[in-house]
Amino acid sequence: MEELPKIEVQSAYVVNGVTNKSAKVGTTTEIDPTTMAKPTVESTEWYNLQGARIDAPAAGTIAIRRDRMSDGTVKATKAIIR
């Protein structure tokens, strides 16, 4: 396996024209992207362009699809229903 990069964080702020910096704090990342599970869609809701929730979009309309993912995030997209 290749060497993982080291990630460091440092805060900096300016007071009366003087820049102050903290010590760098960091660690080597140990997150392996090949083992991370991609979130899946848990539920889907549809909305019309006025923001009212609808059961299903009708053909020939534009609707907003809101997907709630397994990791808790929400993804919203506009769709043209054909």
Protein backbone atom coordinates (compact mmCIF):
# COMPACT_ATOMS: atom_id res chain seq x y z
CA MET A 1 0.00 0.00 0.00
CA GLU A 2 1.24 3.47 -0.82
CA GLU A 3 2.28 5.98 1.82
CA LEU A 4 -0.72 7.98 3.05
CA PRO A 5 -0.40 11.77 3.17
CA LYS A 6 -0.07 13.62 6.44
CA ILE A 7 -2.79 16.18 7.11
CA GLU A 8 -1.94 19.13 9.34
CA VAL A 9 -4.12 21.94 10.68
CA GLN A 10 -2.93 25.34 11.83
CA SER A 11 -4.99 28.32 12.94
CA ALA A 12 -3.90 31.87 12.18
CA TYR A 13 -5.38 35.18 13.22
CA VAL A 14 -4.40 38.86 13.10
CA VAL A 15 -4.66 41.22 16.08
CA ASN A 16 -3.56 44.86 15.73
CA GLY A 17 -1.66 44.01 12.56
CA VAL A 18 0.26 41.15 14.16
CA THR A 19 -0.26 37.66 12.72
CA ASN A 20 -0.40 34.87 15.29
CA LYS A 21 -0.23 31.18 14.37
CA SER A 22 -0.83 28.04 16.40
CA ALA A 23 1.41 25.02 16.30
CA LYS A 24 0.66 22.60 13.49
CA VAL A 25 -1.35 19.61 14.61
CA GLY A 26 -1.73 16.66 12.31
CA THR A 27 -1.91 12.99 11.70
CA THR A 28 -1.50 10.54 8.88
CA THR A 29 -4.84 9.73 7.35
CA GLU A 30 -5.97 6.18 7.86
CA ILE A 31 -9.14 6.34 5.83
CA ASP A 32 -9.10 3.79 3.05
CA PRO A 33 -11.53 4.94 0.35
CA THR A 34 -11.88 1.40 -0.97
CA THR A 35 -13.50 0.26 2.28
CA MET A 36 -15.85 3.22 2.71
CA ALA A 37 -19.45 2.40 1.91
CA LYS A 38 -21.23 4.75 -0.44
CA PRO A 39 -24.50 6.07 0.99
CA THR A 40 -27.68 4.60 -0.44
CA VAL A 41 -31.08 6.26 -0.90
CA GLU A 42 -33.29 5.58 2.15
CA SER A 43 -36.35 7.54 1.00
CA THR A 44 -37.46 9.81 -1.83
CA GLU A 45 -39.91 12.71 -1.68
CA TRP A 46 -41.23 14.73 -4.62
CA TYR A 47 -42.17 18.44 -4.61
CA ASN A 48 -43.64 20.74 -7.25
CA LEU A 49 -41.98 24.08 -8.07
CA GLN A 50 -44.21 25.86 -5.55
CA GLY A 51 -42.72 23.68 -2.80
CA ALA A 52 -45.82 21.56 -2.16
CA ARG A 53 -45.19 17.87 -1.61
CA ILE A 54 -46.67 15.58 -4.27
CA ASP A 55 -47.11 11.80 -4.40
CA ALA A 56 -45.58 11.40 -7.84
CA PRO A 57 -44.67 13.88 -10.58
CA ALA A 58 -46.83 14.00 -13.69
CA ALA A 59 -45.40 13.61 -17.17
CA GLY A 60 -44.40 16.89 -18.79
CA THR A 61 -43.68 18.69 -15.51
CA ILE A 62 -40.62 19.85 -13.64
CA ALA A 63 -40.34 18.50 -10.10
CA ILE A 64 -37.89 18.53 -7.22
CA ARG A 65 -36.67 15.14 -6.00
CA ARG A 66 -35.39 14.98 -2.43
CA ASP A 67 -33.44 11.85 -1.50
CA ARG A 68 -32.56 11.09 2.13
CA MET A 69 -29.35 9.06 2.16
CA SER A 70 -28.29 6.28 4.55
CA ASP A 71 -25.58 8.52 6.04
CA GLY A 72 -28.16 11.19 6.99
CA THR A 73 -27.42 13.62 4.18
CA VAL A 74 -30.13 14.97 1.91
CA LYS A 75 -29.70 15.40 -1.84
CA ALA A 76 -32.15 17.55 -3.81
CA THR A 77 -32.30 17.68 -7.60
CA LYS A 78 -34.65 19.19 -10.18
CA ALA A 79 -35.99 16.78 -12.78
CA ILE A 80 -37.89 17.16 -16.00
CA ILE A 81 -40.42 14.34 -16.05
CA ARG A 82 -41.00 12.97 -19.53
